[in-house]
Amino acid sequence: MPHITPGQAYGFFTDTSVCIGCKACEVACKQWNRLEGHAPSFLDGFDNTGRLDAETWRHVQFHDNVPDEAVTPGNGTVWLMMSDVCKHCKQASCMEVCPTNAIIRTEFDSVFIQPDVCNGCRNCIAACPYDVIGASETTGIAQKCTLCYDRLQNDMTPACAKACPTESIRFGPVSELRRTAAERLETLRGQGVTQARLYGHDEKVYGGLNAFFLLMDEPGRYGLPDERDAVLPSRNNAGGYLTAAVTAVLGVLGGLIALRRRKEKVEESADG
């Protein structure tokens, strides 16, 4: 691919229709970022990772979507698989709540946690709608996918995208990835795959995701909030600020009225 240029928004387009669940992305991520990970233990199906956290910045989800009853030839149903990762949201709630400004937006438009500035308060962990952030058991600081920030600074593709054998994970300028995603969706729809859909490619989900997906079912099947739910907490949007301002004004007025009544009572007692 062309040189990685600061000042341009980069991200991932993950096409779940070609994910084979090999976990090469998980391994590459852990190796490059020196993440120890957790002792593997099989959970549901072939998932031995469980979730994203401080030691797992890529997680391949497995969802058994195969019905128990027999199906007719050509009408089978496959498992749903998706390599999950931090979405690098345009409207990042983790950045909103960080008290030390440890979470920044880099020159590549990715969301990055500065380890030397993080105070370990865990506000970001509670605020993240995708549960991608975890606290290191060793240092106590918050950790998540960095979009391989160090690799980008050295004109290198993120490790997970480099390792993906089916190009399910594609890396590049977000504007180009959106065009690629639209073309892929059109191809699948043309093949009769009506359930295929894009998630996070536009502003409907947290202002747009720099790591967005082509899904083969409803977002809820992958544990993702749908467009109706994918909004910042009310205190972080315009309506929330207006409500807070009105509440504050009413509180001040109420305090002034109470103070005036108290003063009147004191004056009446003095006159009596």
C-alpha atoms as a PDB file:
ATOM      1  CA  MET A   1       0.000   0.000   0.000  1.00  0.00           C
ATOM      2  CA  PRO A   2       1.083   3.677  -0.359  1.00  0.00           C
ATOM      3  CA  HIS A   3       3.075   5.332   2.408  1.00  0.00           C
ATOM      4  CA  ILE A   4       1.208   5.956   5.663  1.00  0.00           C
ATOM      5  CA  THR A   5       0.808   9.718   5.910  1.00  0.00           C
ATOM      6  CA  PRO A   6       0.230  11.665   9.166  1.00  0.00           C
ATOM      7  CA  GLY A   7      -2.814  13.912   9.005  1.00  0.00           C
ATOM      8  CA  GLN A   8      -4.936  11.287   7.282  1.00  0.00           C
ATOM      9  CA  ALA A   9      -7.522   9.104   9.042  1.00  0.00           C
ATOM     10  CA  TYR A  10      -6.579   5.413   9.039  1.00  0.00           C
ATOM     11  CA  GLY A  11      -8.470   2.411  10.300  1.00  0.00           C
ATOM     12  CA  PHE A  12      -9.735  -1.125   9.735  1.00  0.00           C
ATOM     13  CA  PHE A  13     -12.477  -2.550   7.551  1.00  0.00           C
ATOM     14  CA  THR A  14     -13.270  -6.028   8.855  1.00  0.00           C
ATOM     15  CA  ASP A  15     -15.214  -8.187   6.399  1.00  0.00           C
ATOM     16  CA  THR A  16     -16.726 -10.946   8.533  1.00  0.00           C
ATOM     17  CA  SER A  17     -17.967 -12.819   5.460  1.00  0.00           C
ATOM     18  CA  VAL A  18     -14.437 -14.083   4.803  1.00  0.00           C
ATOM     19  CA  CYS A  19     -13.230 -14.533   8.401  1.00  0.00           C
ATOM     20  CA  ILE A  20     -12.213 -18.179   8.962  1.00  0.00           C
ATOM     21  CA  GLY A  21     -11.601 -17.912  12.704  1.00  0.00           C
ATOM     22  CA  CYS A  22      -7.925 -18.793  12.444  1.00  0.00           C
ATOM     23  CA  LYS A  23      -6.924 -16.308  15.185  1.00  0.00           C
ATOM     24  CA  ALA A  24      -3.799 -15.233  13.302  1.00  0.00           C
ATOM     25  CA  CYS A  25      -4.762 -11.644  14.141  1.00  0.00           C
ATOM     26  CA  GLU A  26      -4.882 -12.430  17.866  1.00  0.00           C
ATOM     27  CA  VAL A  27      -1.456 -14.069  17.794  1.00  0.00           C
ATOM     28  CA  ALA A  28       0.153 -11.318  15.716  1.00  0.00           C
ATOM     29  CA  CYS A  29      -1.287  -8.632  18.001  1.00  0.00           C
ATOM     30  CA  LYS A  30       0.011 -10.309  21.138  1.00  0.00           C
ATOM     31  CA  GLN A  31       3.437 -10.944  19.647  1.00  0.00           C
ATOM     32  CA  TRP A  32       3.982  -7.406  18.387  1.00  0.00           C
ATOM     33  CA  ASN A  33       2.603  -5.657  21.477  1.00  0.00           C
ATOM     34  CA  ARG A  34       4.206  -8.132  23.902  1.00  0.00           C
ATOM     35  CA  LEU A  35       0.926  -9.017  25.546  1.00  0.00           C
ATOM     36  CA  GLU A  36       1.107 -12.031  27.809  1.00  0.00           C
ATOM     37  CA  GLY A  37      -2.547 -12.910  27.368  1.00  0.00           C
ATOM     38  CA  HIS A  38      -4.418 -15.318  29.617  1.00  0.00           C
ATOM     39  CA  ALA A  39      -4.252 -19.059  30.019  1.00  0.00           C
ATOM     40  CA  PRO A  40      -6.471 -20.493  27.252  1.00  0.00           C
ATOM     41  CA  SER A  41      -9.698 -22.157  28.304  1.00  0.00           C
ATOM     42  CA  PHE A  42     -12.421 -23.129  25.875  1.00  0.00           C
ATOM     43  CA  LEU A  43     -15.627 -21.283  26.598  1.00  0.00           C
ATOM     44  CA  ASP A  44     -18.473 -21.395  24.068  1.00  0.00           C
ATOM     45  CA  GLY A  45     -17.534 -23.341  20.946  1.00  0.00           C
ATOM     46  CA  PHE A  46     -14.045 -22.535  19.717  1.00  0.00           C
ATOM     47  CA  ASP A  47     -13.688 -19.287  21.655  1.00  0.00           C
ATOM     48  CA  ASN A  48     -10.758 -19.632  24.051  1.00  0.00           C
ATOM     49  CA  THR A  49     -10.205 -15.885  24.507  1.00  0.00           C
ATOM     50  CA  GLY A  50     -13.560 -14.706  25.836  1.00  0.00           C
ATOM     51  CA  ARG A  51     -13.386 -10.948  25.438  1.00  0.00           C
ATOM     52  CA  LEU A  52     -11.265  -7.889  24.804  1.00  0.00           C
ATOM     53  CA  ASP A  53      -9.270  -6.620  27.791  1.00  0.00           C
ATOM     54  CA  ALA A  54      -5.861  -5.324  28.823  1.00  0.00           C
ATOM     55  CA  GLU A  55      -4.105  -8.449  27.534  1.00  0.00           C
ATOM     56  CA  THR A  56      -6.319  -9.138  24.505  1.00  0.00           C
ATOM     57  CA  TRP A  57      -6.604  -6.345  21.944  1.00  0.00           C
ATOM     58  CA  ARG A  58      -8.012  -8.588  19.195  1.00  0.00           C
ATOM     59  CA  HIS A  59     -10.719 -11.154  19.910  1.00  0.00           C
ATOM     60  CA  VAL A  60     -12.161 -13.556  17.357  1.00  0.00           C
ATOM     61  CA  GLN A  61     -15.814 -14.159  18.159  1.00  0.00           C
ATOM     62  CA  PHE A  62     -17.511 -17.460  17.301  1.00  0.00           C
ATOM     63  CA  HIS A  63     -21.305 -17.672  17.172  1.00  0.00           C
ATOM     64  CA  ASP A  64     -22.942 -21.007  16.459  1.00  0.00           C
ATOM     65  CA  ASN A  65     -25.742 -19.980  14.146  1.00  0.00           C
ATOM     66  CA  VAL A  66     -26.357 -23.471  12.754  1.00  0.00           C
ATOM     67  CA  PRO A  67     -29.870 -24.862  13.414  1.00  0.00           C
ATOM     68  CA  ASP A  68     -30.224 -28.319  14.933  1.00  0.00           C
ATOM     69  CA  GLU A  69     -32.692 -29.477  12.307  1.00  0.00           C
ATOM     70  CA  ALA A  70     -31.563 -30.714   8.899  1.00  0.00           C
ATOM     71  CA  VAL A  71     -31.518 -28.270   6.000  1.00  0.00           C
ATOM     72  CA  THR A  72     -32.066 -28.736   2.306  1.00  0.00           C
ATOM     73  CA  PRO A  73     -29.078 -28.709  -0.103  1.00  0.00           C
ATOM     74  CA  GLY A  74     -27.826 -25.202  -0.747  1.00  0.00           C
ATOM     75  CA  ASN A  75     -29.744 -23.812   2.205  1.00  0.00           C
ATOM     76  CA  GLY A  76     -27.190 -24.338   4.953  1.00  0.00           C
ATOM     77  CA  THR A  77     -26.228 -21.837   7.637  1.00  0.00           C
ATOM     78  CA  VAL A  78     -22.676 -21.129   8.732  1.00  0.00           C
ATOM     79  CA  TRP A  79     -21.148 -19.936  11.955  1.00  0.00           C
ATOM     80  CA  LEU A  80     -20.730 -16.203  12.489  1.00  0.00           C
ATOM     81  CA  MET A  81     -17.123 -15.192  13.112  1.00  0.00           C
ATOM     82  CA  MET A  82     -15.699 -11.733  13.654  1.00  0.00           C
ATOM     83  CA  SER A  83     -12.338 -10.364  14.721  1.00  0.00           C
ATOM     84  CA  ASP A  84     -13.330  -7.723  17.248  1.00  0.00           C
ATOM     85  CA  VAL A  85     -11.173  -4.736  18.152  1.00  0.00           C
ATOM     86  CA  CYS A  86     -11.319  -1.158  19.459  1.00  0.00           C
ATOM     87  CA  LYS A  87     -13.495   0.880  17.100  1.00  0.00           C
ATOM     88  CA  HIS A  88     -11.502   4.139  17.381  1.00  0.00           C
ATOM     89  CA  CYS A  89     -14.806   6.028  17.506  1.00  0.00           C
ATOM     90  CA  LYS A  90     -15.130   9.527  16.106  1.00  0.00           C
ATOM     91  CA  GLN A  91     -17.151  10.380  19.233  1.00  0.00           C
ATOM     92  CA  ALA A  92     -15.012   8.521  21.748  1.00  0.00           C
ATOM     93  CA  SER A  93     -16.658   8.417  25.164  1.00  0.00           C
ATOM     94  CA  CYS A  94     -13.409   7.189  26.725  1.00  0.00           C
ATOM     95  CA  MET A  95     -11.752  10.477  25.744  1.00  0.00           C
ATOM     96  CA  GLU A  96     -14.691  12.446  27.151  1.00  0.00           C
ATOM     97  CA  VAL A  97     -14.335  11.018  30.656  1.00  0.00           C
ATOM     98  CA  CYS A  98     -10.547  10.820  31.006  1.00  0.00           C
ATOM     99  CA  PRO A  99      -9.580  13.262  33.812  1.00  0.00           C
ATOM    100  CA  THR A 100      -5.879  13.455  32.907  1.00  0.00           C
ATOM    101  CA  ASN A 101      -6.191  13.761  29.108  1.00  0.00           C
ATOM    102  CA  ALA A 102      -4.261  10.517  28.827  1.00  0.00           C
ATOM    103  CA  ILE A 103      -6.476   9.471  25.915  1.00  0.00           C
ATOM    104  CA  ILE A 104      -5.694  11.407  22.768  1.00  0.00           C
ATOM    105  CA  ARG A 105      -6.437  11.354  19.060  1.00  0.00           C
ATOM    106  CA  THR A 106      -3.234  10.755  17.132  1.00  0.00           C
ATOM    107  CA  GLU A 107      -2.044  12.188  13.850  1.00  0.00           C
ATOM    108  CA  PHE A 108      -3.586   9.110  12.219  1.00  0.00           C
ATOM    109  CA  ASP A 109      -7.012   9.837  13.801  1.00  0.00           C
ATOM    110  CA  SER A 110      -6.743   6.794  16.061  1.00  0.00           C
ATOM    111  CA  VAL A 111      -7.613   6.819  19.764  1.00  0.00           C
ATOM    112  CA  PHE A 112      -4.507   6.224  21.873  1.00  0.00           C
ATOM    113  CA  ILE A 113      -3.983   5.846  25.640  1.00  0.00           C
ATOM    114  CA  GLN A 114      -0.730   7.444  26.816  1.00  0.00           C
ATOM    115  CA  PRO A 115       0.586   5.034  29.463  1.00  0.00           C
ATOM    116  CA  ASP A 116       2.744   7.668  31.161  1.00  0.00           C
ATOM    117  CA  VAL A 117      -0.260   9.983  31.663  1.00  0.00           C
ATOM    118  CA  CYS A 118      -2.927   7.439  32.662  1.00  0.00           C
ATOM    119  CA  ASN A 119      -3.640   7.459  36.404  1.00  0.00           C
ATOM    120  CA  GLY A 120      -5.528   4.158  36.425  1.00  0.00           C
ATOM    121  CA  CYS A 121      -8.889   5.655  37.428  1.00  0.00           C
ATOM    122  CA  ARG A 122     -10.773   3.289  35.059  1.00  0.00           C
ATOM    123  CA  ASN A 123     -13.320   5.906  33.996  1.00  0.00           C
ATOM    124  CA  CYS A 124     -12.658   4.974  30.375  1.00  0.00           C
ATOM    125  CA  ILE A 125     -13.372   1.309  31.051  1.00  0.00           C
ATOM    126  CA  ALA A 126     -16.824   2.165  32.372  1.00  0.00           C
ATOM    127  CA  ALA A 127     -17.508   4.643  29.562  1.00  0.00           C
ATOM    128  CA  CYS A 128     -16.568   2.462  26.585  1.00  0.00           C
ATOM    129  CA  PRO A 129     -19.758   1.100  24.958  1.00  0.00           C
ATOM    130  CA  TYR A 130     -17.835  -1.767  23.346  1.00  0.00           C
ATOM    131  CA  ASP A 131     -15.963  -3.007  26.451  1.00  0.00           C
ATOM    132  CA  VAL A 132     -12.600  -2.931  24.690  1.00  0.00           C
ATOM    133  CA  ILE A 133     -10.500  -1.359  27.469  1.00  0.00           C
ATOM    134  CA  GLY A 134      -8.985  -3.194  30.420  1.00  0.00           C
ATOM    135  CA  ALA A 135      -6.642  -2.345  33.287  1.00  0.00           C
ATOM    136  CA  SER A 136      -3.258  -4.031  33.377  1.00  0.00           C
ATOM    137  CA  GLU A 137      -2.885  -6.310  36.393  1.00  0.00           C
ATOM    138  CA  THR A 138       0.805  -5.370  36.495  1.00  0.00           C
ATOM    139  CA  THR A 139       0.795  -1.592  36.072  1.00  0.00           C
ATOM    140  CA  GLY A 140      -2.844  -0.710  36.755  1.00  0.00           C
ATOM    141  CA  ILE A 141      -3.039   1.508  33.677  1.00  0.00           C
ATOM    142  CA  ALA A 142      -5.723   1.242  31.001  1.00  0.00           C
ATOM    143  CA  GLN A 143      -4.809  -0.621  27.822  1.00  0.00           C
ATOM    144  CA  LYS A 144      -6.419  -1.351  24.453  1.00  0.00           C
ATOM    145  CA  CYS A 145      -5.683  -1.547  20.733  1.00  0.00           C
ATOM    146  CA  THR A 146      -3.398   1.289  19.623  1.00  0.00           C
ATOM    147  CA  LEU A 147      -3.937   0.677  15.881  1.00  0.00           C
ATOM    148  CA  CYS A 148      -0.255  -0.312  16.140  1.00  0.00           C
ATOM    149  CA  TYR A 149       0.664   3.349  16.622  1.00  0.00           C
ATOM    150  CA  ASP A 150       4.371   2.540  16.707  1.00  0.00           C
ATOM    151  CA  ARG A 151       4.120   0.666  13.419  1.00  0.00           C
ATOM    152  CA  LEU A 152       2.195   3.503  11.764  1.00  0.00           C
ATOM    153  CA  GLN A 153       4.897   5.957  12.806  1.00  0.00           C
ATOM    154  CA  ASN A 154       7.361   3.728  10.957  1.00  0.00           C
ATOM    155  CA  ASP A 155       5.202   3.340   7.828  1.00  0.00           C
ATOM    156  CA  MET A 156       4.191  -0.249   8.696  1.00  0.00           C
ATOM    157  CA  THR A 157       0.783  -1.912   8.435  1.00  0.00           C
ATOM    158  CA  PRO A 158      -0.747  -2.990  11.800  1.00  0.00           C
ATOM    159  CA  ALA A 159       0.275  -6.518  12.765  1.00  0.00           C
ATOM    160  CA  CYS A 160      -3.240  -8.011  12.718  1.00  0.00           C
ATOM    161  CA  ALA A 161      -4.014  -6.838   9.183  1.00  0.00           C
ATOM    162  CA  LYS A 162      -0.594  -7.988   8.017  1.00  0.00           C
ATOM    163  CA  ALA A 163      -1.204 -11.489   9.378  1.00  0.00           C
ATOM    164  CA  CYS A 164      -4.802 -12.030   8.191  1.00  0.00           C
ATOM    165  CA  PRO A 165      -4.653 -14.759   5.496  1.00  0.00           C
ATOM    166  CA  THR A 166      -8.054 -13.982   3.920  1.00  0.00           C
ATOM    167  CA  GLU A 167      -7.831 -10.174   4.080  1.00  0.00           C
ATOM    168  CA  SER A 168     -10.851 -10.153   6.340  1.00  0.00           C
ATOM    169  CA  ILE A 169      -9.025  -7.341   8.157  1.00  0.00           C
ATOM    170  CA  ARG A 170      -8.116  -4.547   5.781  1.00  0.00           C
ATOM    171  CA  PHE A 171      -6.095  -1.503   6.789  1.00  0.00           C
ATOM    172  CA  GLY A 172      -5.868   1.827   5.015  1.00  0.00           C
ATOM    173  CA  PRO A 173      -7.253   5.363   4.791  1.00  0.00           C
ATOM    174  CA  VAL A 174     -10.793   5.331   6.141  1.00  0.00           C
ATOM    175  CA  SER A 175     -12.166   7.083   3.056  1.00  0.00           C
ATOM    176  CA  GLU A 176     -10.776   4.339   0.809  1.00  0.00           C
ATOM    177  CA  LEU A 177     -11.949   1.573   3.126  1.00  0.00           C
ATOM    178  CA  ARG A 178     -15.494   2.933   2.985  1.00  0.00           C
ATOM    179  CA  ARG A 179     -15.492   2.701  -0.793  1.00  0.00           C
ATOM    180  CA  THR A 180     -14.096  -0.839  -0.613  1.00  0.00           C
ATOM    181  CA  ALA A 181     -16.789  -1.790   1.911  1.00  0.00           C
ATOM    182  CA  ALA A 182     -19.582  -0.370  -0.248  1.00  0.00           C
ATOM    183  CA  GLU A 183     -18.342  -2.333  -3.255  1.00  0.00           C
ATOM    184  CA  ARG A 184     -18.104  -5.531  -1.219  1.00  0.00           C
ATOM    185  CA  LEU A 185     -21.626  -5.077   0.122  1.00  0.00           C
ATOM    186  CA  GLU A 186     -22.952  -4.514  -3.399  1.00  0.00           C
ATOM    187  CA  THR A 187     -21.238  -7.725  -4.552  1.00  0.00           C
ATOM    188  CA  LEU A 188     -22.730  -9.787  -1.736  1.00  0.00           C
ATOM    189  CA  ARG A 189     -26.191  -8.342  -2.256  1.00  0.00           C
ATOM    190  CA  GLY A 190     -25.861  -9.165  -5.943  1.00  0.00           C
ATOM    191  CA  GLN A 191     -25.137 -12.762  -4.950  1.00  0.00           C
ATOM    192  CA  GLY A 192     -28.348 -12.893  -2.946  1.00  0.00           C
ATOM    193  CA  VAL A 193     -26.749 -12.450   0.493  1.00  0.00           C
ATOM    194  CA  THR A 194     -29.484 -10.176   1.785  1.00  0.00           C
ATOM    195  CA  GLN A 195     -28.433 -10.358   5.433  1.00  0.00           C
ATOM    196  CA  ALA A 196     -25.083  -8.637   4.765  1.00  0.00           C
ATOM    197  CA  ARG A 197     -24.842  -5.107   6.134  1.00  0.00           C
ATOM    198  CA  LEU A 198     -22.257  -2.474   7.065  1.00  0.00           C
ATOM    199  CA  TYR A 199     -21.798  -1.305  10.647  1.00  0.00           C
ATOM    200  CA  GLY A 200     -20.051   1.903  11.729  1.00  0.00           C
ATOM    201  CA  HIS A 201     -19.198   3.075   8.213  1.00  0.00           C
ATOM    202  CA  ASP A 202     -21.259   6.261   8.544  1.00  0.00           C
ATOM    203  CA  GLU A 203     -22.030   8.799  11.271  1.00  0.00           C
ATOM    204  CA  LYS A 204     -25.017   6.922  12.694  1.00  0.00           C
ATOM    205  CA  VAL A 205     -22.866   4.987  15.174  1.00  0.00           C
ATOM    206  CA  TYR A 206     -20.883   7.238  17.552  1.00  0.00           C
ATOM    207  CA  GLY A 207     -20.181   9.701  14.740  1.00  0.00           C
ATOM    208  CA  GLY A 208     -18.574   6.966  12.654  1.00  0.00           C
ATOM    209  CA  LEU A 209     -16.068   4.235  13.491  1.00  0.00           C
ATOM    210  CA  ASN A 210     -12.543   4.176  12.104  1.00  0.00           C
ATOM    211  CA  ALA A 211     -12.667   0.405  12.628  1.00  0.00           C
ATOM    212  CA  PHE A 212     -15.927  -0.666  11.015  1.00  0.00           C
ATOM    213  CA  PHE A 213     -17.423  -3.961   9.863  1.00  0.00           C
ATOM    214  CA  LEU A 214     -19.359  -5.866   7.253  1.00  0.00           C
ATOM    215  CA  LEU A 215     -21.672  -8.127   9.268  1.00  0.00           C
ATOM    216  CA  MET A 216     -23.613 -11.193   8.232  1.00  0.00           C
ATOM    217  CA  ASP A 217     -26.422 -10.702  10.746  1.00  0.00           C
ATOM    218  CA  GLU A 218     -27.897  -8.111  13.099  1.00  0.00           C
ATOM    219  CA  PRO A 219     -25.327  -6.153  15.161  1.00  0.00           C
ATOM    220  CA  GLY A 220     -26.797  -7.640  18.332  1.00  0.00           C
ATOM    221  CA  ARG A 221     -25.667 -11.096  17.270  1.00  0.00           C
ATOM    222  CA  TYR A 222     -22.079  -9.854  17.615  1.00  0.00           C
ATOM    223  CA  GLY A 223     -22.724  -7.994  20.855  1.00  0.00           C
ATOM    224  CA  LEU A 224     -22.733  -4.604  19.117  1.00  0.00           C
ATOM    225  CA  PRO A 225     -25.226  -1.821  19.911  1.00  0.00           C
ATOM    226  CA  ASP A 226     -27.510  -0.973  16.999  1.00  0.00           C
ATOM    227  CA  GLU A 227     -27.918   2.515  15.564  1.00  0.00           C
ATOM    228  CA  ARG A 228     -30.726   3.390  17.984  1.00  0.00           C
ATOM    229  CA  ASP A 229     -28.570   2.602  21.005  1.00  0.00           C
ATOM    230  CA  ALA A 230     -25.208   3.760  19.657  1.00  0.00           C
ATOM    231  CA  VAL A 231     -25.250   7.309  21.028  1.00  0.00           C
ATOM    232  CA  LEU A 232     -23.097   8.966  23.626  1.00  0.00           C
ATOM    233  CA  PRO A 233     -24.426   9.214  27.182  1.00  0.00           C
ATOM    234  CA  SER A 234     -26.743  12.216  27.491  1.00  0.00           C
ATOM    235  CA  ARG A 235     -24.188  14.225  29.428  1.00  0.00           C
ATOM    236  CA  ASN A 236     -21.869  14.089  26.415  1.00  0.00           C
ATOM    237  CA  ASN A 237     -24.260  15.369  23.752  1.00  0.00           C
ATOM    238  CA  ALA A 238     -25.938  18.699  23.021  1.00  0.00           C
ATOM    239  CA  GLY A 239     -29.264  17.702  24.546  1.00  0.00           C
ATOM    240  CA  GLY A 240     -27.522  16.557  27.677  1.00  0.00           C
ATOM    241  CA  TYR A 241     -25.629  19.804  28.056  1.00  0.00           C
ATOM    242  CA  LEU A 242     -28.847  21.809  27.575  1.00  0.00           C
ATOM    243  CA  THR A 243     -30.643  19.711  30.181  1.00  0.00           C
ATOM    244  CA  ALA A 244     -27.739  20.148  32.596  1.00  0.00           C
ATOM    245  CA  ALA A 245     -27.732  23.914  32.032  1.00  0.00           C
ATOM    246  CA  VAL A 246     -31.503  24.206  32.626  1.00  0.00           C
ATOM    247  CA  THR A 247     -31.200  22.066  35.746  1.00  0.00           C
ATOM    248  CA  ALA A 248     -28.395  24.270  37.042  1.00  0.00           C
ATOM    249  CA  VAL A 249     -30.403  27.457  36.434  1.00  0.00           C
ATOM    250  CA  LEU A 250     -33.449  26.011  38.185  1.00  0.00           C
ATOM    251  CA  GLY A 251     -31.239  24.945  41.071  1.00  0.00           C
ATOM    252  CA  VAL A 252     -29.844  28.457  41.463  1.00  0.00           C
ATOM    253  CA  LEU A 253     -33.335  30.006  41.292  1.00  0.00           C
ATOM    254  CA  GLY A 254     -34.604  27.520  43.842  1.00  0.00           C
ATOM    255  CA  GLY A 255     -31.720  28.384  46.149  1.00  0.00           C
ATOM    256  CA  LEU A 256     -32.367  32.125  45.829  1.00  0.00           C
ATOM    257  CA  ILE A 257     -36.081  31.692  46.554  1.00  0.00           C
ATOM    258  CA  ALA A 258     -35.326  29.536  49.607  1.00  0.00           C
ATOM    259  CA  LEU A 259     -32.792  32.106  50.842  1.00  0.00           C
ATOM    260  CA  ARG A 260     -35.297  34.954  50.404  1.00  0.00           C
ATOM    261  CA  ARG A 261     -38.003  33.103  52.323  1.00  0.00           C
ATOM    262  CA  ARG A 262     -35.594  32.343  55.117  1.00  0.00           C
ATOM    263  CA  LYS A 263     -34.592  36.011  55.283  1.00  0.00           C
ATOM    264  CA  GLU A 264     -38.258  37.050  55.455  1.00  0.00           C
ATOM    265  CA  LYS A 265     -38.869  34.628  58.339  1.00  0.00           C
ATOM    266  CA  VAL A 266     -35.861  36.011  60.221  1.00  0.00           C
ATOM    267  CA  GLU A 267     -37.159  39.575  59.729  1.00  0.00           C
ATOM    268  CA  GLU A 268     -40.642  38.579  60.931  1.00  0.00           C
ATOM    269  CA  SER A 269     -39.190  36.986  64.036  1.00  0.00           C
ATOM    270  CA  ALA A 270     -37.148  40.101  64.755  1.00  0.00           C
ATOM    271  CA  ASP A 271     -40.242  42.318  64.401  1.00  0.00           C
ATOM    272  CA  GLY A 272     -42.221  40.036  66.698  1.00  0.00           C
END
